[in-house]
Amino acid sequence: MIILNQTDVTPASFILNGIPGLEDMHMWISFPFCSMYAVAMVGNCGLLYLIYYEDSLHRSMYYFLAMLSLTDLVMCSSTIPKALSIFWCHLKEIRFEECLVQMFFIHTFTGMESGVLMLMALDRYVAICYPLRYSTILTNPVIAKVGLATFLRAVFLIIPLIFLTKRLPYCKGNIIHHTYCDQLSVAKLSCGNIKANVIYGLVAAFLIGGFDILCITVSYTMILRAVVSLSSADARQKAFSTCTAHICAIVFSYSPAFFCFFFNRFGSHTIPPSCHIIVANIYLLLPPTMNPIVYGVKTKQIRDCVIRIFSGSKKIKSYST
């Protein structure tokens, strides 16, 4: 029996092959990717600027929105610059260690994205169901603690997955048919047993995504019950309107996530790989692009700040909400 030395089967680098079957269209595909990335960077940086400088936005709802914007910036910046370098300059090589680092950031901050959406749902629950205690329940120390806990949860659940991937022997080549280092795409190049990777990946997905979706569902169930019980139609409409932007953010985040999850497990033989890879990139790019737009349009305080800036006001002045 031949015993493989781990150092002999760990490649120095991988080759990210982009979108298989659509190599001739890489240049055309790069334009919407680049445009969405530019909108994501400008929109999220703009939101962070407004939340930092505008006194009226120093509330828990906007602090969670700032967490979401930071998460979105890291999430899309972990993948899109490398994808554009593949499309534009054919710079497909990525070192093994860099691949693992990219994998860590992608999976950690997608988990963080899910956690922040869950925290925002709980924020809406407290605001609508306990409005008089809203400011006393969601104090700044509480917001900081739950935000840190959400980040640490993602980190500690993803680190074992990175080590499971690192320990594998790779003797099926070093070409990854993807634009970034997805955990399963890398593990499939191994000639070892990847069952632990698959099982742990599912466990981590359910501990993060499953728990967050359950909390979001329970929160909105309670919100719906509270809103329906209101006697005034205007009050019901106002309560629903405060949740509209958050519901859109949930749809933008979880819809492509579900597609990628079910494709990896059940649809790999029926759906073209190019379709999966495009959706996987949209999963990391669509929420960062759309969240600032949705919150800018649907949130009156943010919309008024933006209008005031573009109307020529030199200084952002606080006002009562």
C-alpha atoms as a PDB file:
ATOM      1  CA  MET A   1       0.000   0.000   0.000  1.00  0.00           C
ATOM      2  CA  ILE A   2       1.334   3.435  -0.966  1.00  0.00           C
ATOM      3  CA  ILE A   3       1.347   5.983   1.839  1.00  0.00           C
ATOM      4  CA  LEU A   4       1.025   9.549   0.576  1.00  0.00           C
ATOM      5  CA  ASN A   5       3.060  12.251   2.256  1.00  0.00           C
ATOM      6  CA  GLN A   6       0.842  15.238   3.064  1.00  0.00           C
ATOM      7  CA  THR A   7       3.467  17.716   1.856  1.00  0.00           C
ATOM      8  CA  ASP A   8       3.735  15.910  -1.481  1.00  0.00           C
ATOM      9  CA  VAL A   9       0.030  16.244  -2.260  1.00  0.00           C
ATOM     10  CA  THR A  10      -0.528  19.831  -1.134  1.00  0.00           C
ATOM     11  CA  PRO A  11      -0.328  22.046  -4.234  1.00  0.00           C
ATOM     12  CA  ALA A  12       1.614  25.282  -4.132  1.00  0.00           C
ATOM     13  CA  SER A  13      -1.273  26.987  -5.898  1.00  0.00           C
ATOM     14  CA  PHE A  14      -4.636  26.454  -7.545  1.00  0.00           C
ATOM     15  CA  ILE A  15      -5.921  27.686 -10.890  1.00  0.00           C
ATOM     16  CA  LEU A  16      -9.300  29.431 -10.728  1.00  0.00           C
ATOM     17  CA  ASN A  17     -10.801  28.717 -14.126  1.00  0.00           C
ATOM     18  CA  GLY A  18     -13.603  31.274 -13.971  1.00  0.00           C
ATOM     19  CA  ILE A  19     -16.966  30.218 -15.389  1.00  0.00           C
ATOM     20  CA  PRO A  20     -16.566  26.939 -17.333  1.00  0.00           C
ATOM     21  CA  GLY A  21     -18.212  26.908 -20.746  1.00  0.00           C
ATOM     22  CA  LEU A  22     -18.444  30.705 -20.859  1.00  0.00           C
ATOM     23  CA  GLU A  23     -14.738  31.546 -21.192  1.00  0.00           C
ATOM     24  CA  ASP A  24     -15.368  33.502 -24.407  1.00  0.00           C
ATOM     25  CA  MET A  25     -17.907  35.675 -22.590  1.00  0.00           C
ATOM     26  CA  HIS A  26     -15.765  36.504 -19.555  1.00  0.00           C
ATOM     27  CA  MET A  27     -15.177  40.059 -20.757  1.00  0.00           C
ATOM     28  CA  TRP A  28     -18.916  40.696 -21.190  1.00  0.00           C
ATOM     29  CA  ILE A  29     -19.763  39.053 -17.873  1.00  0.00           C
ATOM     30  CA  SER A  30     -17.210  41.279 -16.131  1.00  0.00           C
ATOM     31  CA  PHE A  31     -19.146  44.488 -16.888  1.00  0.00           C
ATOM     32  CA  PRO A  32     -22.215  43.758 -14.725  1.00  0.00           C
ATOM     33  CA  PHE A  33     -19.936  42.293 -12.048  1.00  0.00           C
ATOM     34  CA  CYS A  34     -17.795  45.430 -12.011  1.00  0.00           C
ATOM     35  CA  SER A  35     -20.813  47.750 -12.073  1.00  0.00           C
ATOM     36  CA  MET A  36     -22.505  45.963  -9.177  1.00  0.00           C
ATOM     37  CA  TYR A  37     -19.266  45.935  -7.182  1.00  0.00           C
ATOM     38  CA  ALA A  38     -18.833  49.683  -7.710  1.00  0.00           C
ATOM     39  CA  VAL A  39     -22.417  50.329  -6.568  1.00  0.00           C
ATOM     40  CA  ALA A  40     -21.869  48.084  -3.535  1.00  0.00           C
ATOM     41  CA  MET A  41     -18.688  49.917  -2.515  1.00  0.00           C
ATOM     42  CA  VAL A  42     -20.147  53.399  -2.962  1.00  0.00           C
ATOM     43  CA  GLY A  43     -23.516  52.533  -1.412  1.00  0.00           C
ATOM     44  CA  ASN A  44     -22.204  50.762   1.675  1.00  0.00           C
ATOM     45  CA  CYS A  45     -19.434  53.293   2.314  1.00  0.00           C
ATOM     46  CA  GLY A  46     -22.056  56.023   1.948  1.00  0.00           C
ATOM     47  CA  LEU A  47     -24.324  54.317   4.486  1.00  0.00           C
ATOM     48  CA  LEU A  48     -21.454  53.968   6.952  1.00  0.00           C
ATOM     49  CA  TYR A  49     -20.632  57.663   6.498  1.00  0.00           C
ATOM     50  CA  LEU A  50     -24.222  58.723   7.153  1.00  0.00           C
ATOM     51  CA  ILE A  51     -24.651  56.490  10.195  1.00  0.00           C
ATOM     52  CA  TYR A  52     -21.364  57.707  11.697  1.00  0.00           C
ATOM     53  CA  TYR A  53     -21.969  61.446  11.234  1.00  0.00           C
ATOM     54  CA  GLU A  54     -25.762  61.756  11.511  1.00  0.00           C
ATOM     55  CA  ASP A  55     -26.872  61.978  15.150  1.00  0.00           C
ATOM     56  CA  SER A  56     -30.439  60.930  14.400  1.00  0.00           C
ATOM     57  CA  LEU A  57     -29.140  57.614  13.023  1.00  0.00           C
ATOM     58  CA  HIS A  58     -27.397  56.698  16.272  1.00  0.00           C
ATOM     59  CA  ARG A  59     -29.992  54.067  17.103  1.00  0.00           C
ATOM     60  CA  SER A  60     -29.939  50.290  17.244  1.00  0.00           C
ATOM     61  CA  MET A  61     -31.650  49.833  13.865  1.00  0.00           C
ATOM     62  CA  TYR A  62     -28.928  51.819  12.118  1.00  0.00           C
ATOM     63  CA  TYR A  63     -26.105  50.273  14.133  1.00  0.00           C
ATOM     64  CA  PHE A  64     -27.238  46.870  12.873  1.00  0.00           C
ATOM     65  CA  LEU A  65     -27.433  48.349   9.372  1.00  0.00           C
ATOM     66  CA  ALA A  66     -23.821  49.516   9.788  1.00  0.00           C
ATOM     67  CA  MET A  67     -22.843  45.948  10.748  1.00  0.00           C
ATOM     68  CA  LEU A  68     -24.619  44.708   7.628  1.00  0.00           C
ATOM     69  CA  SER A  69     -22.790  47.243   5.444  1.00  0.00           C
ATOM     70  CA  LEU A  70     -19.381  46.291   6.870  1.00  0.00           C
ATOM     71  CA  THR A  71     -20.182  42.619   6.353  1.00  0.00           C
ATOM     72  CA  ASP A  72     -21.280  43.271   2.778  1.00  0.00           C
ATOM     73  CA  LEU A  73     -18.095  45.212   1.999  1.00  0.00           C
ATOM     74  CA  VAL A  74     -15.854  42.401   3.229  1.00  0.00           C
ATOM     75  CA  MET A  75     -17.982  39.690   1.615  1.00  0.00           C
ATOM     76  CA  CYS A  76     -17.952  41.091  -1.914  1.00  0.00           C
ATOM     77  CA  SER A  77     -14.360  42.367  -1.677  1.00  0.00           C
ATOM     78  CA  SER A  78     -13.202  38.845  -0.834  1.00  0.00           C
ATOM     79  CA  THR A  79     -14.278  37.557  -4.249  1.00  0.00           C
ATOM     80  CA  ILE A  80     -15.031  40.155  -6.919  1.00  0.00           C
ATOM     81  CA  PRO A  81     -11.537  41.703  -7.331  1.00  0.00           C
ATOM     82  CA  LYS A  82     -10.092  38.226  -7.958  1.00  0.00           C
ATOM     83  CA  ALA A  83     -12.947  37.368 -10.328  1.00  0.00           C
ATOM     84  CA  LEU A  84     -12.324  40.569 -12.307  1.00  0.00           C
ATOM     85  CA  SER A  85      -8.605  39.800 -12.507  1.00  0.00           C
ATOM     86  CA  ILE A  86      -9.540  36.432 -14.030  1.00  0.00           C
ATOM     87  CA  PHE A  87     -11.954  38.005 -16.519  1.00  0.00           C
ATOM     88  CA  TRP A  88      -9.731  40.933 -17.528  1.00  0.00           C
ATOM     89  CA  CYS A  89      -6.115  39.824 -17.081  1.00  0.00           C
ATOM     90  CA  HIS A  90      -6.352  36.009 -17.010  1.00  0.00           C
ATOM     91  CA  LEU A  91      -4.635  36.019 -13.598  1.00  0.00           C
ATOM     92  CA  LYS A  92      -6.059  32.690 -12.541  1.00  0.00           C
ATOM     93  CA  GLU A  93      -3.413  31.447 -10.122  1.00  0.00           C
ATOM     94  CA  ILE A  94      -4.007  31.651  -6.375  1.00  0.00           C
ATOM     95  CA  ARG A  95      -1.641  30.271  -3.772  1.00  0.00           C
ATOM     96  CA  PHE A  96      -2.887  27.465  -1.552  1.00  0.00           C
ATOM     97  CA  GLU A  97      -2.652  29.598   1.614  1.00  0.00           C
ATOM     98  CA  GLU A  98      -4.398  32.525  -0.097  1.00  0.00           C
ATOM     99  CA  CYS A  99      -7.136  30.165  -1.212  1.00  0.00           C
ATOM    100  CA  LEU A 100      -7.721  29.061   2.381  1.00  0.00           C
ATOM    101  CA  VAL A 101      -7.766  32.684   3.574  1.00  0.00           C
ATOM    102  CA  GLN A 102     -10.279  33.617   0.887  1.00  0.00           C
ATOM    103  CA  MET A 103     -12.389  30.596   1.832  1.00  0.00           C
ATOM    104  CA  PHE A 104     -12.337  31.663   5.486  1.00  0.00           C
ATOM    105  CA  PHE A 105     -13.470  35.220   4.719  1.00  0.00           C
ATOM    106  CA  ILE A 106     -16.201  34.110   2.324  1.00  0.00           C
ATOM    107  CA  HIS A 107     -17.787  31.557   4.645  1.00  0.00           C
ATOM    108  CA  THR A 108     -17.288  33.604   7.817  1.00  0.00           C
ATOM    109  CA  PHE A 109     -18.898  36.745   6.453  1.00  0.00           C
ATOM    110  CA  THR A 110     -21.755  34.952   4.721  1.00  0.00           C
ATOM    111  CA  GLY A 111     -22.448  33.488   8.161  1.00  0.00           C
ATOM    112  CA  MET A 112     -22.110  36.971   9.638  1.00  0.00           C
ATOM    113  CA  GLU A 113     -24.550  38.322   7.037  1.00  0.00           C
ATOM    114  CA  SER A 114     -27.139  35.760   8.091  1.00  0.00           C
ATOM    115  CA  GLY A 115     -26.570  36.568  11.763  1.00  0.00           C
ATOM    116  CA  VAL A 116     -26.959  40.316  11.271  1.00  0.00           C
ATOM    117  CA  LEU A 117     -30.219  39.799   9.362  1.00  0.00           C
ATOM    118  CA  MET A 118     -31.419  37.766  12.334  1.00  0.00           C
ATOM    119  CA  LEU A 119     -30.421  40.555  14.749  1.00  0.00           C
ATOM    120  CA  MET A 120     -32.255  43.089  12.588  1.00  0.00           C
ATOM    121  CA  ALA A 121     -35.389  40.925  12.736  1.00  0.00           C
ATOM    122  CA  LEU A 122     -35.141  40.855  16.540  1.00  0.00           C
ATOM    123  CA  ASP A 123     -34.660  44.628  16.485  1.00  0.00           C
ATOM    124  CA  ARG A 124     -37.900  45.059  14.511  1.00  0.00           C
ATOM    125  CA  TYR A 125     -39.662  42.674  16.905  1.00  0.00           C
ATOM    126  CA  VAL A 126     -38.660  44.729  19.958  1.00  0.00           C
ATOM    127  CA  ALA A 127     -39.469  48.040  18.205  1.00  0.00           C
ATOM    128  CA  ILE A 128     -43.003  46.942  17.242  1.00  0.00           C
ATOM    129  CA  CYS A 129     -43.971  44.676  20.144  1.00  0.00           C
ATOM    130  CA  TYR A 130     -42.242  46.611  22.971  1.00  0.00           C
ATOM    131  CA  PRO A 131     -41.959  50.203  21.686  1.00  0.00           C
ATOM    132  CA  LEU A 132     -41.840  51.807  25.151  1.00  0.00           C
ATOM    133  CA  ARG A 133     -38.926  49.581  26.218  1.00  0.00           C
ATOM    134  CA  TYR A 134     -37.088  49.691  22.891  1.00  0.00           C
ATOM    135  CA  SER A 135     -34.305  52.056  23.959  1.00  0.00           C
ATOM    136  CA  THR A 136     -33.803  50.328  27.315  1.00  0.00           C
ATOM    137  CA  ILE A 137     -33.636  46.807  25.879  1.00  0.00           C
ATOM    138  CA  LEU A 138     -31.365  47.509  22.903  1.00  0.00           C
ATOM    139  CA  THR A 139     -28.713  49.665  24.550  1.00  0.00           C
ATOM    140  CA  ASN A 140     -25.315  50.282  22.951  1.00  0.00           C
ATOM    141  CA  PRO A 141     -23.532  47.679  25.150  1.00  0.00           C
ATOM    142  CA  VAL A 142     -26.158  45.070  24.245  1.00  0.00           C
ATOM    143  CA  ILE A 143     -25.786  45.859  20.533  1.00  0.00           C
ATOM    144  CA  ALA A 144     -22.000  45.562  20.767  1.00  0.00           C
ATOM    145  CA  LYS A 145     -22.213  42.240  22.629  1.00  0.00           C
ATOM    146  CA  VAL A 146     -24.697  40.578  20.258  1.00  0.00           C
ATOM    147  CA  GLY A 147     -22.748  41.848  17.241  1.00  0.00           C
ATOM    148  CA  LEU A 148     -19.498  40.418  18.643  1.00  0.00           C
ATOM    149  CA  ALA A 149     -21.229  37.146  19.530  1.00  0.00           C
ATOM    150  CA  THR A 150     -22.571  36.845  15.976  1.00  0.00           C
ATOM    151  CA  PHE A 151     -19.095  37.406  14.522  1.00  0.00           C
ATOM    152  CA  LEU A 152     -17.421  34.937  16.905  1.00  0.00           C
ATOM    153  CA  ARG A 153     -20.075  32.320  16.178  1.00  0.00           C
ATOM    154  CA  ALA A 154     -19.244  32.488  12.472  1.00  0.00           C
ATOM    155  CA  VAL A 155     -15.478  32.444  13.103  1.00  0.00           C
ATOM    156  CA  PHE A 156     -15.490  29.466  15.464  1.00  0.00           C
ATOM    157  CA  LEU A 157     -17.813  27.432  13.232  1.00  0.00           C
ATOM    158  CA  ILE A 158     -15.822  28.101  10.046  1.00  0.00           C
ATOM    159  CA  ILE A 159     -12.269  27.607  11.382  1.00  0.00           C
ATOM    160  CA  PRO A 160     -12.679  23.785  11.730  1.00  0.00           C
ATOM    161  CA  LEU A 161     -13.930  23.664   8.124  1.00  0.00           C
ATOM    162  CA  ILE A 162     -10.751  25.409   6.951  1.00  0.00           C
ATOM    163  CA  PHE A 163      -8.559  22.927   8.831  1.00  0.00           C
ATOM    164  CA  LEU A 164     -10.563  20.000   7.445  1.00  0.00           C
ATOM    165  CA  THR A 165      -9.910  21.327   3.951  1.00  0.00           C
ATOM    166  CA  LYS A 166      -6.221  22.010   4.638  1.00  0.00           C
ATOM    167  CA  ARG A 167      -5.532  18.459   5.829  1.00  0.00           C
ATOM    168  CA  LEU A 168      -6.809  16.829   2.621  1.00  0.00           C
ATOM    169  CA  PRO A 169      -4.394  15.334   0.060  1.00  0.00           C
ATOM    170  CA  TYR A 170      -4.851  16.899  -3.374  1.00  0.00           C
ATOM    171  CA  CYS A 171      -3.942  14.613  -6.269  1.00  0.00           C
ATOM    172  CA  LYS A 172      -6.776  15.277  -8.762  1.00  0.00           C
ATOM    173  CA  GLY A 173      -5.133  18.340 -10.240  1.00  0.00           C
ATOM    174  CA  ASN A 174      -5.226  21.964  -9.141  1.00  0.00           C
ATOM    175  CA  ILE A 175      -7.844  23.472 -11.474  1.00  0.00           C
ATOM    176  CA  ILE A 176     -10.903  24.859  -9.675  1.00  0.00           C
ATOM    177  CA  HIS A 177     -13.853  25.458 -11.974  1.00  0.00           C
ATOM    178  CA  HIS A 178     -14.974  28.543 -10.108  1.00  0.00           C
ATOM    179  CA  THR A 179     -14.165  32.232  -9.700  1.00  0.00           C
ATOM    180  CA  TYR A 180     -13.270  31.843  -6.009  1.00  0.00           C
ATOM    181  CA  CYS A 181     -12.221  29.189  -3.493  1.00  0.00           C
ATOM    182  CA  ASP A 182     -15.490  27.622  -2.461  1.00  0.00           C
ATOM    183  CA  GLN A 183     -15.003  24.914   0.159  1.00  0.00           C
ATOM    184  CA  LEU A 184     -16.714  22.105  -1.751  1.00  0.00           C
ATOM    185  CA  SER A 185     -15.082  23.037  -5.057  1.00  0.00           C
ATOM    186  CA  VAL A 186     -11.657  22.786  -3.427  1.00  0.00           C
ATOM    187  CA  ALA A 187     -12.444  19.604  -1.492  1.00  0.00           C
ATOM    188  CA  LYS A 188     -13.568  17.827  -4.683  1.00  0.00           C
ATOM    189  CA  LEU A 189      -9.977  18.039  -5.953  1.00  0.00           C
ATOM    190  CA  SER A 190      -8.882  15.794  -3.109  1.00  0.00           C
ATOM    191  CA  CYS A 191      -8.217  12.101  -3.523  1.00  0.00           C
ATOM    192  CA  GLY A 192      -8.944  11.619   0.188  1.00  0.00           C
ATOM    193  CA  ASN A 193     -12.175  11.087   2.084  1.00  0.00           C
ATOM    194  CA  ILE A 194     -14.156  14.344   2.116  1.00  0.00           C
ATOM    195  CA  LYS A 195     -17.121  12.958   4.055  1.00  0.00           C
ATOM    196  CA  ALA A 196     -16.075  14.911   7.176  1.00  0.00           C
ATOM    197  CA  ASN A 197     -15.999  18.130   5.143  1.00  0.00           C
ATOM    198  CA  VAL A 198     -19.454  17.497   3.709  1.00  0.00           C
ATOM    199  CA  ILE A 199     -21.000  16.555   7.056  1.00  0.00           C
ATOM    200  CA  TYR A 200     -19.393  19.415   8.966  1.00  0.00           C
ATOM    201  CA  GLY A 201     -20.355  21.864   6.211  1.00  0.00           C
ATOM    202  CA  LEU A 202     -23.980  20.800   6.572  1.00  0.00           C
ATOM    203  CA  VAL A 203     -23.799  21.059  10.378  1.00  0.00           C
ATOM    204  CA  ALA A 204     -22.304  24.563  10.194  1.00  0.00           C
ATOM    205  CA  ALA A 205     -24.918  25.637   7.631  1.00  0.00           C
ATOM    206  CA  PHE A 206     -27.772  24.451   9.855  1.00  0.00           C
ATOM    207  CA  LEU A 207     -26.259  25.933  13.030  1.00  0.00           C
ATOM    208  CA  ILE A 208     -25.926  29.323  11.333  1.00  0.00           C
ATOM    209  CA  GLY A 209     -28.552  29.541   8.602  1.00  0.00           C
ATOM    210  CA  GLY A 210     -31.092  27.200  10.154  1.00  0.00           C
ATOM    211  CA  PHE A 211     -30.984  28.919  13.551  1.00  0.00           C
ATOM    212  CA  ASP A 212     -31.147  32.399  12.009  1.00  0.00           C
ATOM    213  CA  ILE A 213     -34.065  31.541   9.727  1.00  0.00           C
ATOM    214  CA  LEU A 214     -35.932  30.075  12.711  1.00  0.00           C
ATOM    215  CA  CYS A 215     -35.374  33.277  14.730  1.00  0.00           C
ATOM    216  CA  ILE A 216     -36.419  35.466  11.783  1.00  0.00           C
ATOM    217  CA  THR A 217     -39.574  33.389  11.255  1.00  0.00           C
ATOM    218  CA  VAL A 218     -40.546  33.538  14.932  1.00  0.00           C
ATOM    219  CA  SER A 219     -39.834  37.286  15.067  1.00  0.00           C
ATOM    220  CA  TYR A 220     -42.006  38.079  12.065  1.00  0.00           C
ATOM    221  CA  THR A 221     -44.762  35.792  13.303  1.00  0.00           C
ATOM    222  CA  MET A 222     -44.887  37.789  16.529  1.00  0.00           C
ATOM    223  CA  ILE A 223     -44.643  41.061  14.585  1.00  0.00           C
ATOM    224  CA  LEU A 224     -47.546  40.027  12.347  1.00  0.00           C
ATOM    225  CA  ARG A 225     -49.690  39.144  15.349  1.00  0.00           C
ATOM    226  CA  ALA A 226     -48.903  42.493  16.999  1.00  0.00           C
ATOM    227  CA  VAL A 227     -49.572  44.512  13.835  1.00  0.00           C
ATOM    228  CA  VAL A 228     -52.850  42.763  13.023  1.00  0.00           C
ATOM    229  CA  SER A 229     -54.105  43.531  16.527  1.00  0.00           C
ATOM    230  CA  LEU A 230     -53.660  47.286  15.984  1.00  0.00           C
ATOM    231  CA  SER A 231     -56.956  49.116  15.554  1.00  0.00           C
ATOM    232  CA  SER A 232     -55.679  51.905  13.313  1.00  0.00           C
ATOM    233  CA  ALA A 233     -55.027  51.206   9.629  1.00  0.00           C
ATOM    234  CA  ASP A 234     -52.394  53.956   9.563  1.00  0.00           C
ATOM    235  CA  ALA A 235     -50.589  52.377  12.514  1.00  0.00           C
ATOM    236  CA  ARG A 236     -50.606  48.995  10.787  1.00  0.00           C
ATOM    237  CA  GLN A 237     -49.255  50.494   7.571  1.00  0.00           C
ATOM    238  CA  LYS A 238     -46.521  52.381   9.446  1.00  0.00           C
ATOM    239  CA  ALA A 239     -45.500  49.257  11.359  1.00  0.00           C
ATOM    240  CA  PHE A 240     -45.317  47.186   8.166  1.00  0.00           C
ATOM    241  CA  SER A 241     -43.358  49.912   6.366  1.00  0.00           C
ATOM    242  CA  THR A 242     -40.579  49.771   8.974  1.00  0.00           C
ATOM    243  CA  CYS A 243     -40.025  46.103   8.041  1.00  0.00           C
ATOM    244  CA  THR A 244     -40.124  46.446   4.245  1.00  0.00           C
ATOM    245  CA  ALA A 245     -36.430  47.129   3.711  1.00  0.00           C
ATOM    246  CA  HIS A 246     -35.414  44.309   6.022  1.00  0.00           C
ATOM    247  CA  ILE A 247     -37.699  41.828   4.274  1.00  0.00           C
ATOM    248  CA  CYS A 248     -36.145  42.816   0.930  1.00  0.00           C
ATOM    249  CA  ALA A 249     -32.660  42.274   2.399  1.00  0.00           C
ATOM    250  CA  ILE A 250     -33.704  38.790   3.557  1.00  0.00           C
ATOM    251  CA  VAL A 251     -35.007  37.920   0.079  1.00  0.00           C
ATOM    252  CA  PHE A 252     -31.830  39.183  -1.645  1.00  0.00           C
ATOM    253  CA  SER A 253     -29.625  37.218   0.738  1.00  0.00           C
ATOM    254  CA  TYR A 254     -31.405  33.902   1.207  1.00  0.00           C
ATOM    255  CA  SER A 255     -32.834  33.292  -2.285  1.00  0.00           C
ATOM    256  CA  PRO A 256     -29.481  32.715  -4.068  1.00  0.00           C
ATOM    257  CA  ALA A 257     -28.137  31.044  -0.895  1.00  0.00           C
ATOM    258  CA  PHE A 258     -30.864  28.383  -1.062  1.00  0.00           C
ATOM    259  CA  PHE A 259     -30.162  27.814  -4.758  1.00  0.00           C
ATOM    260  CA  CYS A 260     -26.427  27.296  -4.120  1.00  0.00           C
ATOM    261  CA  PHE A 261     -27.093  25.007  -1.143  1.00  0.00           C
ATOM    262  CA  PHE A 262     -29.516  22.726  -2.981  1.00  0.00           C
ATOM    263  CA  PHE A 263     -27.418  22.701  -6.150  1.00  0.00           C
ATOM    264  CA  ASN A 264     -24.331  21.512  -4.273  1.00  0.00           C
ATOM    265  CA  ARG A 265     -26.254  18.669  -2.645  1.00  0.00           C
ATOM    266  CA  PHE A 266     -28.896  17.620  -5.157  1.00  0.00           C
ATOM    267  CA  GLY A 267     -28.676  19.402  -8.514  1.00  0.00           C
ATOM    268  CA  SER A 268     -25.081  18.992  -9.668  1.00  0.00           C
ATOM    269  CA  HIS A 269     -26.111  16.562 -12.443  1.00  0.00           C
ATOM    270  CA  THR A 270     -29.106  18.501 -13.781  1.00  0.00           C
ATOM    271  CA  ILE A 271     -28.053  22.183 -13.668  1.00  0.00           C
ATOM    272  CA  PRO A 272     -25.113  23.450 -15.793  1.00  0.00           C
ATOM    273  CA  PRO A 273     -22.056  24.335 -13.674  1.00  0.00           C
ATOM    274  CA  SER A 274     -21.898  27.763 -15.310  1.00  0.00           C
ATOM    275  CA  CYS A 275     -25.377  28.558 -13.966  1.00  0.00           C
ATOM    276  CA  HIS A 276     -24.340  27.504 -10.473  1.00  0.00           C
ATOM    277  CA  ILE A 277     -21.164  29.619 -10.527  1.00  0.00           C
ATOM    278  CA  ILE A 278     -22.991  32.716 -11.776  1.00  0.00           C
ATOM    279  CA  VAL A 279     -25.601  32.349  -9.021  1.00  0.00           C
ATOM    280  CA  ALA A 280     -22.837  31.722  -6.454  1.00  0.00           C
ATOM    281  CA  ASN A 281     -21.261  35.047  -7.430  1.00  0.00           C
ATOM    282  CA  ILE A 282     -24.639  36.782  -7.375  1.00  0.00           C
ATOM    283  CA  TYR A 283     -25.156  35.363  -3.868  1.00  0.00           C
ATOM    284  CA  LEU A 284     -22.061  37.272  -2.717  1.00  0.00           C
ATOM    285  CA  LEU A 285     -22.691  40.378  -4.843  1.00  0.00           C
ATOM    286  CA  LEU A 286     -26.451  40.980  -4.925  1.00  0.00           C
ATOM    287  CA  PRO A 287     -27.025  41.735  -1.193  1.00  0.00           C
ATOM    288  CA  PRO A 288     -24.123  44.243  -0.958  1.00  0.00           C
ATOM    289  CA  THR A 289     -25.407  45.957  -4.104  1.00  0.00           C
ATOM    290  CA  MET A 290     -29.118  46.074  -3.272  1.00  0.00           C
ATOM    291  CA  ASN A 291     -29.118  46.630   0.503  1.00  0.00           C
ATOM    292  CA  PRO A 292     -27.900  50.267   0.366  1.00  0.00           C
ATOM    293  CA  ILE A 293     -30.361  51.026  -2.442  1.00  0.00           C
ATOM    294  CA  VAL A 294     -33.316  49.462  -0.641  1.00  0.00           C
ATOM    295  CA  TYR A 295     -32.531  51.101   2.693  1.00  0.00           C
ATOM    296  CA  GLY A 296     -31.845  54.409   0.973  1.00  0.00           C
ATOM    297  CA  VAL A 297     -35.223  54.333  -0.778  1.00  0.00           C
ATOM    298  CA  LYS A 298     -37.350  52.797   1.981  1.00  0.00           C
ATOM    299  CA  THR A 299     -35.899  54.517   5.073  1.00  0.00           C
ATOM    300  CA  LYS A 300     -37.048  58.124   5.417  1.00  0.00           C
ATOM    301  CA  GLN A 301     -34.225  59.266   7.711  1.00  0.00           C
ATOM    302  CA  ILE A 302     -31.533  57.964   5.340  1.00  0.00           C
ATOM    303  CA  ARG A 303     -33.363  59.291   2.287  1.00  0.00           C
ATOM    304  CA  ASP A 304     -33.660  62.761   3.815  1.00  0.00           C
ATOM    305  CA  CYS A 305     -29.946  62.808   4.694  1.00  0.00           C
ATOM    306  CA  VAL A 306     -28.987  61.883   1.142  1.00  0.00           C
ATOM    307  CA  ILE A 307     -31.320  64.504  -0.353  1.00  0.00           C
ATOM    308  CA  ARG A 308     -29.933  67.151   1.982  1.00  0.00           C
ATOM    309  CA  ILE A 309     -26.336  66.333   1.008  1.00  0.00           C
ATOM    310  CA  PHE A 310     -27.035  66.438  -2.727  1.00  0.00           C
ATOM    311  CA  SER A 311     -29.084  69.608  -2.380  1.00  0.00           C
ATOM    312  CA  GLY A 312     -25.925  71.446  -1.320  1.00  0.00           C
ATOM    313  CA  SER A 313     -25.953  71.395   2.478  1.00  0.00           C
ATOM    314  CA  LYS A 314     -22.361  71.571   3.737  1.00  0.00           C
ATOM    315  CA  LYS A 315     -23.033  69.915   7.054  1.00  0.00           C
ATOM    316  CA  ILE A 316     -25.319  67.139   8.108  1.00  0.00           C
ATOM    317  CA  LYS A 317     -27.515  68.372  10.921  1.00  0.00           C
ATOM    318  CA  SER A 318     -29.341  66.113  13.273  1.00  0.00           C
ATOM    319  CA  TYR A 319     -33.089  66.256  13.575  1.00  0.00           C
ATOM    320  CA  SER A 320     -35.692  64.449  15.598  1.00  0.00           C
ATOM    321  CA  THR A 321     -37.155  61.269  14.139  1.00  0.00           C
END
